[in-house]
Amino acid sequence: MVKQETVYMAIKMLSKQSHYPVSVLCEIAKINRSAYYKWLHRKKSQNELQNENLLILIKEAYEEKDGILGYRQITIKLRREHNLKVNYKRIYRLMKIVGLKSVCRKKKYNYLKSTPEVTAENVLNRDFKAENIFEKWLTDITEFKYGDGKKAYLSAILDLGDRSIVSYVIGHSNNNALVFETFDLAVAAYPNVKPIFHSDRGFQYTSKIFKSKLDKAGMIQSMSRVSRCIDNGPMEGFWGILKSEMYYLHKFNDYESLKKAIEAYIDYYNNKRYQKRLNCMTPLEYRRYLLGISS
């Protein structure tokens, strides 16, 4: 009975929103039109009415961010913004009925080989849990293409305590200046913190100049092992989220439009994107919670 009701609901939504003929949909679903119309005009249960209202909110949430939200993110959004007590399975089932699925794509990995001047042990050792902010910072660089094969680069630092992006710099070149400026911005914003600072073995992070910056700031340097991107897993995860929820969904013809899109997404990620691991808060909301600051 539940399965049949699911089919009826799908026919109703598709005929209403996509203007497919009911007769064709019934034929595809192998049900009688009379049975569908009988169901359509019956007295609706409280549960059905709730599902119809949920579908409206689900569709609004889905379209608000161009389809990047999956059922988990939408569930959290409905709980937080509409104070609804709904579980993930229900939202998943309703989204499946109307054919809504996150448009996100998996990221591709790029690797740069370098001859290090300085190396460090993997102090972090894949311990990605942090009780507080400023305990552990991760960093990395990722590449974007725009226009006719031109490239832009994003350097960022992520705090494992609240998963926020502490600082970032976008540039035309993957060079020392990109990384050094990202680090300097983070230190200027938080001059007295001394986290473990973890990176891969890219040439910027293994330079003597960068090591001197870390020593001056009193931070402990940590590096991933060779060809082990999982050692920097949360940072790689952020690149995947950013690219699947923003970059892969659009075509960028020039540097400025790409730069603005990256800046807008990082602002969205830090301030509006709920995370289950953060008690369904946004990164900066969770930061205020850890610091005991009321919003």
Foldseek 3Di string as FASTA:
>chain_A
DVVVVLLLVLLVLCCVPVVDDSVVSCVVVVHDPVVSVVVVPDDDDPVVVVLVVVLVQLVCVCPVLVQQDALVQSVLCCCVVVVDPDDSVSSNSSCVSNVRGHQFDFDDDDDDDDDFPAADAQPCQLVLADCAWLAEKEKDKDWDAAAPGAIKMKIFIATSRLRATQFMDIGRDDDLVRHVVRVVSNCVVPVQGAYEYEYERPHNCRDPVNVVVNVVSNYHYHYDDPPCCVSRVSVSVVVSSLCRSFVVVDHHNDDVVVVVSSVVVSCCQQQPRFDVVLVRHHSVVSNCVSVVHDD
